[in-house]
Amino acid sequence: MTAVQNYPFALIMLFLASGVICFVLSGRIAKWYCLVLCGVGTVMMAMTLRYVLAAGESYVYLMGHFPSPWGNELRIGPFEALMAALFCAIALFSIMGGMEHILEDCEERKVNLYFASFCLLMSSMLALIFTNDLFTAYVFIEINTITACALVMLNYRNGGALIATTRYLIMSLLGSGLFLIAVILLYDLTGHLLMEPLGAAVETLRMTGGYLFPLTVIVGLLSVGLGIKSAIFPFHTWLPDAHANATSASSALLSGLVLKAYVILLIKLIYRVMSMESHAVSFAADMLFVFGVLAMIIGSVLAMGEQDLKRMLAYSSVAQVGYIYAGIGLGTTAGMIAAGTQIVTHAITKPMLFCAAGGFMGVSGGSRRISDLRGAAWRDPLSGVAFFVGALSMIGIPLFGGFATKLQLTLASIALPGWKAWLSIAAIVLSTVLNAIYYLKTTAALYSKDGTSPYDELRVTYRTLYRALYVIAILAFIILNIWQGIGSGTFTGIIREGLSLLG
């Protein structure tokens, strides 16, 4: 194998080992170590993406000396490589944008623990993107759960962090349990855990008419289990508290990346185990579609009633995850492409909004209440610009990332006859109107000059180095967002090719 073909496995192991390394490093060194590691990882995954695009095919990385169906494998194609490169880049910018708040919100002696948890989290997400083995996926799902909870709990300044973490852990373990039950049943029926032989065995059972009811139950367990972990409505109740009580960098990671890792795994399972043809006519597709449409509307309605900026953004994430599941639920290739496009859009937009929220809190006495944040966009102009760009993207204004998603999902819906088409289009229109109401209302408050905020004269002196990191991160997020809005064909083309190779 060429050196670049080893990069996915090497990066997973590098992040995994770095989780241990950061335990023995001081917080001062650990933070720079993680930034460098994310930068190196972004370059490695970009090179891997370039390799698979040039090759025009995916490849399998065999871990150890035992081939399929007994060994353990990674599968690397354009879809997986794009998502891995995106995850490393967004993680880098999220940490840069929230570095000031990480150091303020975490106890000094626990800063290294924060970055140790971050490294383990990155390792688990990359493993979920690349793994070709269901039990390996389960193991890293649990690592992902524990480390994500740790990132919320380490915010010692917020007394609600422990309660929020407990709720997060309980709901997440429920999702993990359902996923594990499905894996056990699949292994019992087929004797396989690797996706390719597993998919062939499932197709044989389906063709012969054997065990159709257990297979239906398994599909439901997989879909609901991963749906709970990605905060699909109505299993989203843990999300607002987790985001509100975490430091801004953790909120950016949880919303932008952690939720998407489970969706990416579900997409892989649909293509490689269930098959797109079977998914399209299954009850699971209809269930995910209905949940997605409800999330688009109800998530937006709940966001409209929030007076806490971070909770508002959390409910907005529920609505945006709804777009992903609505696309998956359409049961078509165009719907899947729309879902993949939304994964990219949300990953590059929502972390920017959470980082901007951290900036507003910094110039408003740490308050998250929108009434206290009035005029904050003038006290921190860069955060104001970032929030405005993010708001335009979430609404779906042309030239910004969110427009690409809504256009793709609308086109996918129009091409599909039946009740899903009109329901999807109606949900897109209504959700867009609701998004515009609460995002523009919040933006107006942030730019208000009516003098009602007690923090109008407050100015915070930022540490120059960390402010420079924040500026770089915000500018990178803005550029990525506009790139997605203007040149969405780049990402969409890679997603289309990657999904075709998945099948």
Protein backbone atom coordinates (compact mmCIF):
# COMPACT_ATOMS: atom_id res chain seq x y z
CA MET A 1 0.00 0.00 0.00
CA THR A 2 1.10 3.58 -0.57
CA ALA A 3 1.79 5.77 2.45
CA VAL A 4 -1.37 7.83 1.96
CA GLN A 5 -3.54 4.71 2.19
CA ASN A 6 -2.32 4.23 5.77
CA TYR A 7 -3.31 7.73 6.87
CA PRO A 8 -6.87 6.97 8.09
CA PHE A 9 -5.74 4.16 10.40
CA ALA A 10 -2.67 6.12 11.47
CA LEU A 11 -4.73 9.20 12.36
CA ILE A 12 -7.27 7.19 14.38
CA MET A 13 -4.45 5.61 16.36
CA LEU A 14 -2.62 8.93 16.69
CA PHE A 15 -5.66 10.62 18.25
CA LEU A 16 -6.26 7.56 20.45
CA ALA A 17 -2.68 7.60 21.73
CA SER A 18 -2.83 11.38 22.15
CA GLY A 19 -5.71 10.97 24.57
CA VAL A 20 -3.28 9.17 26.86
CA ILE A 21 -0.42 11.56 26.12
CA CYS A 22 -2.49 14.61 27.09
CA PHE A 23 -3.16 13.10 30.51
CA VAL A 24 0.52 13.50 31.37
CA LEU A 25 1.04 16.85 29.65
CA SER A 26 0.35 20.18 31.28
CA GLY A 27 -2.70 22.08 30.04
CA ARG A 28 -0.43 24.72 28.54
CA ILE A 29 1.31 22.17 26.31
CA ALA A 30 -1.75 19.99 25.67
CA LYS A 31 -3.71 22.79 23.99
CA TRP A 32 -0.98 23.50 21.45
CA TYR A 33 -0.38 19.80 20.93
CA CYS A 34 -4.05 19.31 20.00
CA LEU A 35 -4.10 22.27 17.63
CA VAL A 36 -1.06 20.93 15.78
CA LEU A 37 -2.58 17.44 15.72
CA CYS A 38 -5.83 18.71 14.19
CA GLY A 39 -3.89 20.67 11.59
CA VAL A 40 -1.81 17.62 10.67
CA GLY A 41 -4.97 15.49 10.58
CA THR A 42 -6.67 17.93 8.21
CA VAL A 43 -3.72 17.72 5.81
CA MET A 44 -3.59 13.92 6.04
CA MET A 45 -7.30 13.54 5.32
CA ALA A 46 -7.14 16.08 2.48
CA MET A 47 -4.37 13.99 0.92
CA THR A 48 -6.45 10.85 1.41
CA LEU A 49 -9.43 12.54 -0.26
CA ARG A 50 -7.26 13.58 -3.18
CA TYR A 51 -5.97 10.01 -3.51
CA VAL A 52 -9.38 8.32 -3.62
CA LEU A 53 -10.77 10.93 -6.02
CA ALA A 54 -7.83 10.38 -8.37
CA ALA A 55 -8.20 6.60 -8.08
CA GLY A 56 -11.94 6.78 -8.72
CA GLU A 57 -12.62 3.97 -6.27
CA SER A 58 -12.63 3.15 -2.58
CA TYR A 59 -10.22 0.79 -0.86
CA VAL A 60 -10.25 -1.44 2.19
CA TYR A 61 -7.59 -1.23 4.89
CA LEU A 62 -7.10 -4.60 6.55
CA MET A 63 -6.17 -4.38 10.22
CA GLY A 64 -4.09 -7.46 11.08
CA HIS A 65 -3.63 -10.65 9.08
CA PHE A 66 -7.17 -11.98 8.98
CA PRO A 67 -9.17 -11.17 5.84
CA SER A 68 -12.93 -10.84 5.50
CA PRO A 69 -15.19 -12.20 6.93
CA TRP A 70 -13.14 -12.73 10.13
CA GLY A 71 -10.85 -9.73 10.29
CA ASN A 72 -11.41 -6.07 11.05
CA GLU A 73 -11.39 -3.46 8.33
CA LEU A 74 -11.57 0.20 7.52
CA ARG A 75 -13.19 1.32 4.28
CA ILE A 76 -12.03 4.55 2.68
CA GLY A 77 -13.84 6.25 -0.18
CA PRO A 78 -14.57 9.85 -1.25
CA PHE A 79 -17.55 10.21 1.10
CA GLU A 80 -15.62 9.00 4.15
CA ALA A 81 -12.47 10.96 3.29
CA LEU A 82 -14.43 14.20 2.75
CA MET A 83 -16.19 13.86 6.08
CA ALA A 84 -12.94 13.02 7.91
CA ALA A 85 -11.15 16.04 6.40
CA LEU A 86 -14.12 18.24 7.28
CA PHE A 87 -14.23 16.91 10.86
CA CYS A 88 -10.52 17.59 11.44
CA ALA A 89 -10.76 21.11 10.01
CA ILE A 90 -13.92 22.03 11.94
CA ALA A 91 -12.46 20.60 15.15
CA LEU A 92 -9.36 22.74 14.63
CA PHE A 93 -11.37 25.93 14.09
CA SER A 94 -13.77 25.15 16.95
CA ILE A 95 -10.91 24.75 19.43
CA MET A 96 -9.21 27.88 18.10
CA GLY A 97 -12.44 29.87 18.30
CA GLY A 98 -13.24 28.68 21.81
CA MET A 99 -9.74 28.52 23.31
CA GLU A 100 -10.24 31.59 25.50
CA HIS A 101 -13.40 30.10 26.97
CA ILE A 102 -11.88 26.65 27.48
CA LEU A 103 -9.16 28.16 29.66
CA GLU A 104 -11.72 30.26 31.57
CA ASP A 105 -14.40 27.61 32.07
CA CYS A 106 -12.18 24.64 32.97
CA GLU A 107 -10.19 24.41 36.18
CA GLU A 108 -6.53 25.02 35.45
CA ARG A 109 -5.50 21.59 36.69
CA LYS A 110 -8.10 19.94 34.42
CA VAL A 111 -7.33 21.69 31.15
CA ASN A 112 -5.18 18.75 30.07
CA LEU A 113 -8.12 16.42 30.82
CA TYR A 114 -10.27 18.50 28.48
CA PHE A 115 -7.84 18.01 25.62
CA ALA A 116 -7.35 14.34 26.47
CA SER A 117 -11.11 13.90 26.14
CA PHE A 118 -11.05 15.89 22.91
CA CYS A 119 -8.43 13.58 21.37
CA LEU A 120 -10.38 10.46 22.32
CA LEU A 121 -13.52 12.07 20.90
CA MET A 122 -11.78 12.76 17.59
CA SER A 123 -10.45 9.21 17.45
CA SER A 124 -13.92 7.78 17.99
CA MET A 125 -15.56 10.01 15.36
CA LEU A 126 -12.95 9.13 12.74
CA ALA A 127 -13.38 5.45 13.57
CA LEU A 128 -17.15 5.74 13.08
CA ILE A 129 -16.56 7.38 9.70
CA PHE A 130 -14.11 4.74 8.44
CA THR A 131 -14.99 1.48 10.19
CA ASN A 132 -16.34 -1.44 8.18
CA ASP A 133 -17.18 -3.50 11.28
CA LEU A 134 -20.32 -3.12 13.39
CA PHE A 135 -18.86 -4.19 16.71
CA THR A 136 -15.93 -1.82 16.27
CA ALA A 137 -18.53 0.87 15.57
CA TYR A 138 -20.27 0.04 18.85
CA VAL A 139 -17.02 0.25 20.83
CA PHE A 140 -16.24 3.68 19.43
CA ILE A 141 -19.84 4.82 19.91
CA GLU A 142 -19.32 4.24 23.62
CA ILE A 143 -15.98 6.07 23.60
CA ASN A 144 -17.68 8.92 21.76
CA THR A 145 -20.46 9.04 24.36
CA ILE A 146 -18.15 9.13 27.38
CA THR A 147 -15.77 11.72 25.98
CA ALA A 148 -18.57 14.00 24.72
CA CYS A 149 -20.11 13.93 28.20
CA ALA A 150 -16.71 14.77 29.68
CA LEU A 151 -16.45 17.89 27.49
CA VAL A 152 -19.78 19.11 28.89
CA MET A 153 -19.01 18.23 32.53
CA LEU A 154 -15.59 19.93 32.62
CA ASN A 155 -17.23 23.38 32.59
CA TYR A 156 -16.88 23.91 36.35
CA ARG A 157 -18.17 27.50 36.24
CA ASN A 158 -21.66 26.32 35.35
CA GLY A 159 -23.56 24.59 38.13
CA GLY A 160 -25.95 22.91 35.68
CA ALA A 161 -23.19 21.07 33.81
CA LEU A 162 -23.38 17.93 35.95
CA ILE A 163 -27.17 17.63 35.59
CA ALA A 164 -26.96 18.27 31.84
CA THR A 165 -24.22 15.65 31.53
CA THR A 166 -26.29 13.09 33.41
CA ARG A 167 -29.28 13.62 31.11
CA TYR A 168 -27.00 13.42 28.07
CA LEU A 169 -25.44 10.19 29.34
CA ILE A 170 -28.78 8.49 30.09
CA MET A 171 -30.30 9.29 26.68
CA SER A 172 -27.10 8.47 24.83
CA LEU A 173 -26.75 5.11 26.58
CA LEU A 174 -30.32 4.31 25.62
CA GLY A 175 -29.38 4.85 21.98
CA SER A 176 -26.20 2.78 22.39
CA GLY A 177 -28.20 -0.04 23.96
CA LEU A 178 -30.65 -0.20 21.06
CA PHE A 179 -27.75 -0.20 18.60
CA LEU A 180 -26.03 -3.05 20.48
CA ILE A 181 -29.21 -5.14 20.53
CA ALA A 182 -29.48 -4.70 16.76
CA VAL A 183 -25.84 -5.76 16.28
CA ILE A 184 -26.40 -8.88 18.43
CA LEU A 185 -29.50 -9.85 16.46
CA LEU A 186 -27.71 -9.31 13.15
CA TYR A 187 -24.80 -11.47 14.23
CA ASP A 188 -27.19 -14.15 15.45
CA LEU A 189 -29.00 -14.23 12.08
CA THR A 190 -25.98 -13.93 9.77
CA GLY A 191 -22.80 -14.76 11.68
CA HIS A 192 -21.14 -11.62 10.29
CA LEU A 193 -20.08 -8.23 11.63
CA LEU A 194 -18.22 -6.82 8.61
CA MET A 195 -20.56 -4.73 6.50
CA GLU A 196 -19.95 -6.31 3.09
CA PRO A 197 -20.58 -9.99 4.00
CA LEU A 198 -23.28 -8.84 6.41
CA GLY A 199 -25.06 -6.98 3.62
CA ALA A 200 -24.84 -10.02 1.33
CA ALA A 201 -26.27 -12.28 4.07
CA VAL A 202 -29.12 -9.84 4.80
CA GLU A 203 -29.96 -9.67 1.09
CA THR A 204 -30.04 -13.48 0.90
CA LEU A 205 -32.43 -13.64 3.83
CA ARG A 206 -34.61 -11.00 2.24
CA MET A 207 -34.68 -12.81 -1.12
CA THR A 208 -35.58 -16.14 0.46
CA GLY A 209 -38.20 -14.58 2.70
CA GLY A 210 -36.53 -15.78 5.87
CA TYR A 211 -36.57 -13.85 9.15
CA LEU A 212 -38.30 -10.83 7.65
CA PHE A 213 -39.86 -9.75 10.94
CA PRO A 214 -36.54 -9.88 12.89
CA LEU A 215 -34.88 -7.95 10.07
CA THR A 216 -37.60 -5.30 10.30
CA VAL A 217 -37.05 -5.03 14.05
CA ILE A 218 -33.29 -4.75 13.52
CA VAL A 219 -33.67 -1.92 11.01
CA GLY A 220 -35.92 -0.08 13.46
CA LEU A 221 -33.47 -0.55 16.33
CA LEU A 222 -30.53 0.72 14.26
CA SER A 223 -32.47 3.74 13.02
CA VAL A 224 -33.93 4.74 16.39
CA GLY A 225 -30.71 4.01 18.31
CA LEU A 226 -28.58 6.23 16.09
CA GLY A 227 -31.43 8.75 15.85
CA ILE A 228 -31.48 9.15 19.64
CA LYS A 229 -27.73 9.73 19.68
CA SER A 230 -27.99 12.36 16.95
CA ALA A 231 -30.84 14.16 18.77
CA ILE A 232 -33.60 13.56 16.27
CA PHE A 233 -37.05 14.71 17.40
CA PRO A 234 -38.64 13.56 19.74
CA PHE A 235 -35.45 12.21 21.36
CA HIS A 236 -33.78 15.63 21.50
CA THR A 237 -34.59 16.65 25.08
CA TRP A 238 -31.02 16.24 26.34
CA LEU A 239 -29.52 18.53 23.71
CA PRO A 240 -30.49 22.07 24.84
CA ASP A 241 -29.15 21.63 28.39
CA ALA A 242 -25.95 19.97 27.17
CA HIS A 243 -25.20 22.81 24.75
CA ALA A 244 -26.24 25.57 27.13
CA ASN A 245 -24.02 24.33 29.96
CA ALA A 246 -20.94 23.44 27.93
CA THR A 247 -18.17 25.86 27.09
CA SER A 248 -18.52 27.38 23.60
CA ALA A 249 -15.89 25.12 22.01
CA SER A 250 -17.64 22.02 23.37
CA SER A 251 -21.01 23.26 22.08
CA ALA A 252 -19.44 23.79 18.66
CA LEU A 253 -17.99 20.26 18.64
CA LEU A 254 -21.18 18.61 19.92
CA SER A 255 -23.47 20.34 17.45
CA GLY A 256 -21.20 20.51 14.43
CA LEU A 257 -19.51 17.11 14.59
CA VAL A 258 -20.64 14.64 17.27
CA LEU A 259 -24.26 14.52 16.11
CA LYS A 260 -23.15 14.04 12.49
CA ALA A 261 -20.84 11.08 13.21
CA TYR A 262 -23.84 8.92 14.08
CA VAL A 263 -25.72 10.05 10.96
CA ILE A 264 -22.73 9.16 8.78
CA LEU A 265 -22.66 5.69 10.32
CA LEU A 266 -26.39 5.30 9.62
CA ILE A 267 -25.89 6.30 5.98
CA LYS A 268 -23.14 3.69 5.64
CA LEU A 269 -25.41 1.04 7.15
CA ILE A 270 -28.22 1.93 4.75
CA TYR A 271 -25.96 1.56 1.73
CA ARG A 272 -23.79 -1.35 2.80
CA VAL A 273 -26.05 -3.48 5.01
CA MET A 274 -29.72 -2.65 4.36
CA SER A 275 -29.32 -1.57 0.67
CA MET A 276 -30.87 1.59 -0.73
CA GLU A 277 -33.57 -0.34 -2.57
CA SER A 278 -34.79 -2.01 0.61
CA HIS A 279 -34.46 1.22 2.59
CA ALA A 280 -36.60 3.14 0.10
CA VAL A 281 -39.62 0.87 0.66
CA SER A 282 -39.08 0.19 4.36
CA PHE A 283 -41.05 1.58 7.28
CA ALA A 284 -37.75 2.93 8.65
CA ALA A 285 -37.48 5.41 5.77
CA ASP A 286 -41.02 6.65 6.40
CA MET A 287 -40.35 6.87 10.16
CA LEU A 288 -37.13 8.86 9.70
CA PHE A 289 -38.85 11.14 7.20
CA VAL A 290 -41.72 11.91 9.57
CA PHE A 291 -39.34 12.48 12.48
CA GLY A 292 -37.22 14.72 10.25
CA VAL A 293 -40.16 16.85 9.11
CA LEU A 294 -41.45 17.21 12.68
CA ALA A 295 -37.96 18.22 13.82
CA MET A 296 -37.74 20.89 11.10
CA ILE A 297 -40.94 22.52 12.37
CA ILE A 298 -41.01 21.86 16.11
CA GLY A 299 -37.29 22.54 16.58
CA SER A 300 -37.80 25.95 14.97
CA VAL A 301 -40.91 26.66 17.05
CA LEU A 302 -39.05 25.82 20.28
CA ALA A 303 -36.14 28.02 19.18
CA MET A 304 -38.52 30.95 18.69
CA GLY A 305 -39.58 30.81 22.33
CA GLU A 306 -36.08 30.68 23.81
CA GLN A 307 -34.55 33.64 25.64
CA ASP A 308 -31.22 31.84 26.15
CA LEU A 309 -28.98 32.26 23.09
CA LYS A 310 -27.19 28.89 23.38
CA ARG A 311 -30.43 27.00 24.00
CA MET A 312 -31.91 28.75 20.97
CA LEU A 313 -28.98 27.53 18.87
CA ALA A 314 -29.42 24.04 20.32
CA TYR A 315 -33.07 23.91 19.27
CA SER A 316 -31.99 25.23 15.88
CA SER A 317 -29.68 22.21 15.67
CA VAL A 318 -32.67 19.93 16.29
CA ALA A 319 -34.37 21.55 13.29
CA GLN A 320 -31.26 21.32 11.13
CA VAL A 321 -30.74 17.64 11.98
CA GLY A 322 -34.35 17.26 10.83
CA TYR A 323 -33.28 18.33 7.34
CA ILE A 324 -30.73 15.50 7.30
CA TYR A 325 -33.25 12.86 8.34
CA ALA A 326 -35.89 14.19 5.96
CA GLY A 327 -33.39 13.70 3.12
CA ILE A 328 -32.54 10.18 4.30
CA GLY A 329 -36.23 9.40 4.69
CA LEU A 330 -36.99 10.29 1.07
CA GLY A 331 -35.32 7.00 0.19
CA THR A 332 -33.68 8.29 -2.99
CA THR A 333 -30.13 9.01 -4.07
CA ALA A 334 -31.02 12.69 -4.47
CA GLY A 335 -32.35 12.72 -0.91
CA MET A 336 -29.15 11.15 0.39
CA ILE A 337 -27.08 13.75 -1.47
CA ALA A 338 -29.20 16.48 0.13
CA ALA A 339 -28.62 14.87 3.54
CA GLY A 340 -24.86 14.77 2.91
CA THR A 341 -24.91 18.40 1.80
CA GLN A 342 -26.72 19.36 5.01
CA ILE A 343 -24.09 17.52 7.08
CA VAL A 344 -21.44 19.73 5.46
CA THR A 345 -23.49 22.92 5.78
CA HIS A 346 -24.39 22.43 9.41
CA ALA A 347 -20.84 21.38 10.32
CA ILE A 348 -19.38 24.62 8.97
CA THR A 349 -22.17 26.93 10.22
CA LYS A 350 -23.31 25.91 13.68
CA PRO A 351 -19.80 25.85 15.27
CA MET A 352 -19.33 29.40 13.99
CA LEU A 353 -22.59 30.45 15.65
CA PHE A 354 -21.62 28.85 18.98
CA CYS A 355 -18.18 30.48 18.86
CA ALA A 356 -19.86 33.81 18.15
CA ALA A 357 -22.20 33.20 21.10
CA GLY A 358 -19.12 32.74 23.27
CA GLY A 359 -17.82 36.07 22.02
CA PHE A 360 -21.09 37.81 22.92
CA MET A 361 -21.07 36.25 26.38
CA GLY A 362 -17.52 37.51 26.89
CA VAL A 363 -18.63 41.13 26.44
CA SER A 364 -21.89 40.69 28.38
CA GLY A 365 -20.75 39.52 31.79
CA GLY A 366 -21.03 35.85 30.85
CA SER A 367 -24.81 36.06 30.42
CA ARG A 368 -26.54 33.91 27.80
CA ARG A 369 -29.87 35.76 27.95
CA ILE A 370 -30.68 37.55 24.71
CA SER A 371 -32.00 40.55 26.65
CA ASP A 372 -28.55 40.95 28.24
CA LEU A 373 -26.83 40.54 24.86
CA ARG A 374 -28.47 43.57 23.31
CA GLY A 375 -25.80 45.59 21.54
CA ALA A 376 -23.22 42.79 21.95
CA ALA A 377 -22.55 42.77 18.20
CA TRP A 378 -21.19 46.32 18.54
CA ARG A 379 -19.09 45.40 21.55
CA ASP A 380 -17.60 42.48 19.62
CA PRO A 381 -17.98 43.33 15.90
CA LEU A 382 -16.31 40.16 14.56
CA SER A 383 -18.71 37.94 16.49
CA GLY A 384 -21.54 40.07 15.15
CA VAL A 385 -20.46 39.49 11.55
CA ALA A 386 -20.02 35.76 12.21
CA PHE A 387 -23.49 35.45 13.73
CA PHE A 388 -25.07 37.42 10.88
CA VAL A 389 -23.42 35.19 8.26
CA GLY A 390 -24.45 32.09 10.18
CA ALA A 391 -28.02 33.36 10.49
CA LEU A 392 -28.25 34.00 6.74
CA SER A 393 -26.95 30.50 6.11
CA MET A 394 -29.43 28.84 8.48
CA ILE A 395 -32.30 30.79 6.91
CA GLY A 396 -31.16 29.66 3.45
CA ILE A 397 -30.29 32.96 1.80
CA PRO A 398 -28.55 32.50 -1.60
CA LEU A 399 -24.74 32.74 -1.60
CA PHE A 400 -24.57 31.11 1.84
CA GLY A 401 -24.24 27.45 2.77
CA GLY A 402 -27.78 26.79 3.94
CA PHE A 403 -29.20 27.69 0.52
CA ALA A 404 -27.37 24.74 -1.05
CA THR A 405 -29.04 22.31 1.33
CA LYS A 406 -32.56 23.66 0.91
CA LEU A 407 -32.16 23.72 -2.87
CA GLN A 408 -30.92 20.11 -2.95
CA LEU A 409 -33.68 18.90 -0.64
CA THR A 410 -36.37 20.77 -2.61
CA LEU A 411 -35.16 19.28 -5.91
CA ALA A 412 -35.05 15.81 -4.37
CA SER A 413 -38.60 16.24 -3.07
CA ILE A 414 -40.00 17.51 -6.37
CA ALA A 415 -38.59 14.46 -8.17
CA LEU A 416 -40.41 12.08 -5.81
CA PRO A 417 -44.14 11.45 -6.38
CA GLY A 418 -46.50 10.92 -3.49
CA TRP A 419 -47.16 12.35 -0.05
CA LYS A 420 -43.51 12.81 0.87
CA ALA A 421 -43.00 15.38 -1.88
CA TRP A 422 -45.63 17.90 -0.84
CA LEU A 423 -45.05 17.35 2.88
CA SER A 424 -41.30 17.90 2.47
CA ILE A 425 -41.72 21.08 0.43
CA ALA A 426 -44.28 22.45 2.88
CA ALA A 427 -41.94 21.73 5.80
CA ILE A 428 -39.01 23.42 4.03
CA VAL A 429 -41.07 26.57 3.38
CA LEU A 430 -42.51 26.74 6.90
CA SER A 431 -39.17 25.99 8.56
CA THR A 432 -37.47 28.67 6.46
CA VAL A 433 -40.04 31.26 7.56
CA LEU A 434 -39.63 30.25 11.22
CA ASN A 435 -35.83 30.32 10.89
CA ALA A 436 -36.01 33.82 9.49
CA ILE A 437 -38.22 35.00 12.35
CA TYR A 438 -36.04 33.90 15.25
CA TYR A 439 -32.63 34.41 13.65
CA LEU A 440 -33.41 37.90 12.38
CA LYS A 441 -35.09 38.81 15.67
CA THR A 442 -31.99 37.69 17.58
CA THR A 443 -29.66 39.45 15.16
CA ALA A 444 -31.65 42.66 15.58
CA ALA A 445 -31.31 42.39 19.36
CA LEU A 446 -27.56 41.81 19.09
CA TYR A 447 -27.21 44.93 16.96
CA SER A 448 -29.65 46.99 19.02
CA LYS A 449 -28.49 50.42 20.24
CA ASP A 450 -31.44 51.19 22.48
CA GLY A 451 -29.26 51.32 25.59
CA THR A 452 -31.29 48.86 27.67
CA SER A 453 -28.44 46.41 28.31
CA PRO A 454 -26.42 46.85 31.52
CA TYR A 455 -23.32 45.87 29.55
CA ASP A 456 -23.39 48.65 26.95
CA GLU A 457 -20.15 50.14 28.18
CA LEU A 458 -18.44 46.81 28.89
CA ARG A 459 -15.29 46.03 26.98
CA VAL A 460 -13.25 42.91 27.55
CA THR A 461 -9.50 42.90 27.11
CA TYR A 462 -8.70 39.70 25.25
CA ARG A 463 -5.37 37.99 25.46
CA THR A 464 -3.81 38.89 22.12
CA LEU A 465 -2.75 35.38 21.11
CA TYR A 466 -6.12 33.75 21.79
CA ARG A 467 -7.96 36.62 20.14
CA ALA A 468 -5.79 36.05 17.05
CA LEU A 469 -6.79 32.39 17.05
CA TYR A 470 -10.44 33.42 17.34
CA VAL A 471 -10.13 35.82 14.40
CA ILE A 472 -8.50 33.15 12.21
CA ALA A 473 -11.17 30.58 13.13
CA ILE A 474 -14.09 32.93 12.46
CA LEU A 475 -12.67 34.05 9.12
CA ALA A 476 -12.13 30.40 8.13
CA PHE A 477 -15.74 29.56 9.05
CA ILE A 478 -17.04 32.52 7.03
CA ILE A 479 -14.96 31.54 3.98
CA LEU A 480 -16.11 27.92 4.18
CA ASN A 481 -19.72 29.05 4.45
CA ILE A 482 -19.54 31.30 1.42
CA TRP A 483 -17.63 28.60 -0.49
CA GLN A 484 -20.43 26.15 0.29
CA GLY A 485 -22.98 28.72 -0.85
CA ILE A 486 -21.29 29.71 -4.10
CA GLY A 487 -19.42 26.52 -5.00
CA SER A 488 -21.58 23.85 -3.42
CA GLY A 489 -21.05 21.72 -6.51
CA THR A 490 -17.59 20.85 -5.21
CA PHE A 491 -18.89 19.19 -2.07
CA THR A 492 -22.02 17.83 -3.75
CA GLY A 493 -19.98 16.18 -6.50
CA ILE A 494 -17.74 14.43 -3.98
CA ILE A 495 -20.75 13.32 -1.94
CA ARG A 496 -22.49 11.98 -5.06
CA GLU A 497 -19.41 10.00 -6.12
CA GLY A 498 -18.80 8.77 -2.58
CA LEU A 499 -22.37 7.54 -2.15
CA SER A 500 -22.29 5.74 -5.49
CA LEU A 501 -19.18 3.86 -4.36
CA LEU A 502 -20.80 3.06 -1.00
CA GLY A 503 -23.53 1.19 -2.80
